[in-house]
């Protein structure tokens, strides 16, 4: 949303919505995978403090863990956790 209609040569400002404000509550994660990625990224960075992190390689590692290293029970745990966060 803008404060004025579009006119050539004039400046417009975007109207800040309440949900975009700094005091707005954070949006819940979309899925259990997003929760898992957030936790594992912090864990990998904490476990390897002296290694320079390449985010794409870290994401490859994490996605491989999600696909191959976890059974359905663990994945359901993260998905249920994300659903509970959406309800709050």
N, C-alpha and C. Protein backbone atom coordinates (compact mmCIF):
# COMPACT_ATOMS: atom_id res chain seq x y z
N UNK A 1 0.84 -1.19 0.00
CA UNK A 1 0.00 0.00 0.00
C UNK A 1 0.89 1.25 0.00
N UNK A 2 0.43 2.25 -0.68
CA UNK A 2 1.18 3.49 -0.79
C UNK A 2 0.35 4.64 -0.23
N UNK A 3 1.03 5.71 0.17
CA UNK A 3 0.32 6.86 0.74
C UNK A 3 -0.31 7.75 -0.33
N UNK A 4 0.20 7.71 -1.57
CA UNK A 4 -0.33 8.53 -2.66
C UNK A 4 -0.44 7.67 -3.91
N UNK A 5 -1.29 8.09 -4.84
CA UNK A 5 -1.32 7.38 -6.12
C UNK A 5 -0.04 7.67 -6.91
N UNK A 6 0.24 6.85 -7.90
CA UNK A 6 1.46 7.02 -8.68
C UNK A 6 1.34 8.25 -9.58
N UNK A 7 2.26 9.19 -9.39
CA UNK A 7 2.34 10.40 -10.22
C UNK A 7 3.79 10.55 -10.62
N UNK A 8 4.04 10.76 -11.92
CA UNK A 8 5.41 10.85 -12.41
C UNK A 8 6.13 12.01 -11.73
N UNK A 9 7.31 11.73 -11.19
CA UNK A 9 8.15 12.76 -10.58
C UNK A 9 7.87 13.01 -9.12
N UNK A 10 6.84 12.42 -8.55
CA UNK A 10 6.55 12.63 -7.13
C UNK A 10 6.96 11.41 -6.33
N UNK A 11 7.31 11.66 -5.09
CA UNK A 11 7.75 10.59 -4.22
C UNK A 11 6.55 9.98 -3.48
N UNK A 12 6.55 8.65 -3.41
CA UNK A 12 5.52 7.95 -2.64
C UNK A 12 6.20 7.21 -1.50
N UNK A 13 5.46 6.98 -0.44
CA UNK A 13 5.98 6.21 0.68
C UNK A 13 5.08 5.02 0.93
N UNK A 14 5.70 3.94 1.32
CA UNK A 14 4.96 2.74 1.64
C UNK A 14 4.33 2.88 3.02
N UNK A 15 3.08 2.49 3.15
CA UNK A 15 2.40 2.52 4.44
C UNK A 15 2.80 1.25 5.20
N UNK A 16 3.29 1.44 6.42
CA UNK A 16 3.72 0.31 7.24
C UNK A 16 2.50 -0.32 7.88
N UNK A 17 2.32 -1.61 7.63
CA UNK A 17 1.21 -2.33 8.23
C UNK A 17 1.60 -2.81 9.62
N UNK A 18 0.62 -3.12 10.44
CA UNK A 18 0.92 -3.57 11.80
C UNK A 18 1.72 -4.84 11.81
N UNK A 19 1.43 -5.75 10.89
CA UNK A 19 2.15 -7.03 10.90
C UNK A 19 3.59 -6.88 10.43
N UNK A 20 3.95 -5.74 9.81
CA UNK A 20 5.32 -5.50 9.38
C UNK A 20 6.12 -4.72 10.40
N UNK A 21 5.48 -4.22 11.44
CA UNK A 21 6.15 -3.38 12.43
C UNK A 21 7.15 -4.16 13.26
N UNK A 22 8.07 -3.44 13.90
CA UNK A 22 9.11 -4.11 14.70
C UNK A 22 8.56 -4.81 15.94
N UNK A 23 7.40 -4.37 16.45
CA UNK A 23 6.85 -5.02 17.64
C UNK A 23 5.88 -6.14 17.30
N UNK A 24 5.73 -6.43 16.02
CA UNK A 24 4.83 -7.50 15.60
C UNK A 24 5.42 -8.86 16.01
N UNK A 25 4.58 -9.80 16.39
CA UNK A 25 5.10 -11.12 16.78
C UNK A 25 5.66 -11.85 15.55
N UNK A 26 6.68 -12.67 15.73
CA UNK A 26 7.24 -13.40 14.59
C UNK A 26 6.23 -14.41 14.05
N UNK A 27 6.30 -14.63 12.75
CA UNK A 27 5.40 -15.59 12.14
C UNK A 27 5.88 -17.00 12.46
N UNK A 28 4.96 -17.94 12.67
CA UNK A 28 5.38 -19.31 12.97
C UNK A 28 6.01 -19.96 11.75
N UNK A 29 6.86 -20.96 11.96
CA UNK A 29 7.48 -21.65 10.83
C UNK A 29 6.44 -22.37 9.98
N UNK A 30 6.73 -22.52 8.70
CA UNK A 30 5.79 -23.13 7.78
C UNK A 30 5.71 -24.65 7.94
N UNK A 31 6.82 -25.28 8.31
CA UNK A 31 6.81 -26.74 8.40
C UNK A 31 7.84 -27.20 9.43
N UNK A 32 7.80 -28.51 9.71
CA UNK A 32 8.77 -29.09 10.63
C UNK A 32 10.17 -29.05 10.08
N UNK A 33 10.29 -29.11 8.76
CA UNK A 33 11.62 -29.05 8.13
C UNK A 33 12.29 -27.71 8.42
N UNK A 34 11.53 -26.62 8.42
CA UNK A 34 12.09 -25.30 8.69
C UNK A 34 12.59 -25.23 10.14
N UNK A 35 11.84 -25.81 11.07
CA UNK A 35 12.27 -25.85 12.47
C UNK A 35 13.56 -26.66 12.57
N UNK A 36 13.62 -27.80 11.90
CA UNK A 36 14.80 -28.66 11.92
C UNK A 36 16.01 -27.93 11.34
N UNK A 37 15.83 -27.23 10.25
CA UNK A 37 16.94 -26.50 9.62
C UNK A 37 17.48 -25.44 10.57
N UNK A 38 16.59 -24.72 11.23
CA UNK A 38 17.04 -23.68 12.17
C UNK A 38 17.85 -24.26 13.32
N UNK A 39 17.37 -25.36 13.88
CA UNK A 39 18.09 -25.97 15.00
C UNK A 39 19.42 -26.55 14.56
N UNK A 40 19.44 -27.23 13.44
CA UNK A 40 20.67 -27.88 12.99
C UNK A 40 21.71 -26.87 12.52
N UNK A 41 21.28 -25.77 11.94
CA UNK A 41 22.24 -24.73 11.53
C UNK A 41 22.96 -24.19 12.75
N UNK A 42 22.20 -23.90 13.81
CA UNK A 42 22.83 -23.40 15.04
C UNK A 42 23.77 -24.46 15.63
N UNK A 43 23.36 -25.71 15.61
CA UNK A 43 24.18 -26.78 16.16
C UNK A 43 25.48 -26.94 15.38
N UNK A 44 25.40 -26.92 14.06
CA UNK A 44 26.61 -27.09 13.24
C UNK A 44 27.56 -25.92 13.45
N UNK A 45 27.02 -24.71 13.51
CA UNK A 45 27.89 -23.54 13.72
C UNK A 45 28.52 -23.58 15.12
N UNK A 46 27.78 -24.08 16.11
CA UNK A 46 28.31 -24.16 17.46
C UNK A 46 29.37 -25.27 17.57
N UNK A 47 29.14 -26.39 16.91
CA UNK A 47 30.07 -27.51 16.99
C UNK A 47 31.37 -27.27 16.23
N UNK A 48 31.33 -26.39 15.24
CA UNK A 48 32.52 -26.11 14.41
C UNK A 48 32.83 -24.62 14.43
N UNK A 49 33.32 -24.10 15.57
CA UNK A 49 33.53 -22.65 15.65
C UNK A 49 34.69 -22.14 14.79
N UNK A 50 35.66 -22.98 14.49
CA UNK A 50 36.85 -22.51 13.76
C UNK A 50 36.75 -22.71 12.25
N UNK A 51 35.64 -23.27 11.78
CA UNK A 51 35.47 -23.55 10.37
C UNK A 51 34.65 -22.43 9.74
N UNK A 52 35.11 -21.95 8.56
CA UNK A 52 34.32 -20.96 7.84
C UNK A 52 33.12 -21.67 7.21
N UNK A 53 31.91 -21.14 7.42
CA UNK A 53 30.70 -21.83 7.00
C UNK A 53 30.26 -21.37 5.62
N UNK A 54 30.00 -22.34 4.77
CA UNK A 54 29.39 -22.09 3.47
C UNK A 54 27.95 -22.55 3.60
N UNK A 55 27.01 -21.62 3.57
CA UNK A 55 25.62 -21.93 3.87
C UNK A 55 25.05 -22.98 2.92
N UNK A 56 25.46 -22.97 1.66
CA UNK A 56 24.90 -23.96 0.74
C UNK A 56 25.36 -25.37 1.11
N UNK A 57 26.61 -25.52 1.55
CA UNK A 57 27.09 -26.84 1.95
C UNK A 57 26.44 -27.29 3.25
N UNK A 58 26.22 -26.35 4.16
CA UNK A 58 25.53 -26.67 5.41
C UNK A 58 24.11 -27.13 5.11
N UNK A 59 23.42 -26.45 4.19
CA UNK A 59 22.05 -26.84 3.82
C UNK A 59 22.04 -28.21 3.15
N UNK A 60 23.05 -28.52 2.35
CA UNK A 60 23.12 -29.85 1.75
C UNK A 60 23.26 -30.92 2.81
N UNK A 61 24.10 -30.65 3.79
CA UNK A 61 24.29 -31.60 4.89
C UNK A 61 23.00 -31.81 5.68
N UNK A 62 22.33 -30.70 5.98
CA UNK A 62 21.10 -30.77 6.77
C UNK A 62 20.01 -31.50 6.00
N UNK A 63 19.87 -31.21 4.71
CA UNK A 63 18.82 -31.88 3.94
C UNK A 63 19.10 -33.37 3.80
N UNK A 64 20.38 -33.74 3.73
CA UNK A 64 20.72 -35.16 3.68
C UNK A 64 20.35 -35.83 5.01
N UNK A 65 20.58 -35.12 6.14
CA UNK A 65 20.19 -35.66 7.44
C UNK A 65 18.68 -35.86 7.51
N UNK A 66 17.93 -34.90 6.98
CA UNK A 66 16.47 -34.98 7.02
C UNK A 66 15.97 -36.16 6.18
N UNK A 67 16.54 -36.33 4.99
CA UNK A 67 16.09 -37.39 4.09
C UNK A 67 16.52 -38.76 4.55
N UNK A 68 17.80 -38.91 4.90
CA UNK A 68 18.36 -40.24 5.13
C UNK A 68 18.55 -40.59 6.60
N UNK A 69 18.83 -39.61 7.43
CA UNK A 69 19.21 -39.90 8.81
C UNK A 69 18.08 -39.91 9.81
N UNK A 70 16.87 -39.57 9.38
CA UNK A 70 15.76 -39.51 10.32
C UNK A 70 14.66 -40.46 9.88
N UNK A 71 14.03 -41.11 10.85
CA UNK A 71 12.90 -41.96 10.50
C UNK A 71 11.61 -41.12 10.54
N UNK A 72 10.50 -41.72 10.19
CA UNK A 72 9.23 -41.00 10.11
C UNK A 72 8.80 -40.46 11.46
N UNK A 73 9.14 -41.16 12.53
CA UNK A 73 8.76 -40.72 13.87
C UNK A 73 9.40 -39.38 14.20
N UNK A 74 10.70 -39.24 13.89
CA UNK A 74 11.40 -37.98 14.17
C UNK A 74 10.86 -36.85 13.30
N UNK A 75 10.60 -37.13 12.04
CA UNK A 75 10.05 -36.10 11.16
C UNK A 75 8.66 -35.67 11.62
N UNK A 76 7.85 -36.61 12.08
CA UNK A 76 6.53 -36.27 12.60
C UNK A 76 6.64 -35.37 13.83
N UNK A 77 7.68 -35.61 14.66
CA UNK A 77 7.88 -34.77 15.85
C UNK A 77 8.06 -33.31 15.43
N UNK A 78 8.93 -33.06 14.45
CA UNK A 78 9.17 -31.68 14.01
C UNK A 78 7.94 -31.09 13.33
N UNK A 79 7.21 -31.89 12.56
CA UNK A 79 5.99 -31.39 11.92
C UNK A 79 4.92 -31.05 12.95
N UNK A 80 4.76 -31.89 13.97
CA UNK A 80 3.79 -31.61 15.04
C UNK A 80 4.19 -30.36 15.82
N UNK A 81 5.48 -30.20 16.04
CA UNK A 81 5.98 -29.02 16.76
C UNK A 81 5.65 -27.75 15.98
N UNK A 82 5.83 -27.79 14.66
CA UNK A 82 5.52 -26.62 13.82
C UNK A 82 4.02 -26.33 13.85
N UNK A 83 3.20 -27.38 13.84
CA UNK A 83 1.75 -27.18 13.90
C UNK A 83 1.33 -26.54 15.22
N UNK A 84 1.97 -26.95 16.32
CA UNK A 84 1.65 -26.35 17.62
C UNK A 84 2.02 -24.88 17.65
N UNK A 85 3.15 -24.51 17.00
CA UNK A 85 3.55 -23.12 16.96
C UNK A 85 2.57 -22.29 16.14
N UNK A 86 2.00 -22.88 15.10
CA UNK A 86 1.03 -22.15 14.28
C UNK A 86 -0.24 -21.88 15.07
N UNK A 87 -0.62 -22.79 15.96
CA UNK A 87 -1.86 -22.64 16.74
C UNK A 87 -1.73 -21.57 17.81
N UNK A 88 -0.52 -21.34 18.32
CA UNK A 88 -0.33 -20.36 19.40
C UNK A 88 -0.47 -18.94 18.94
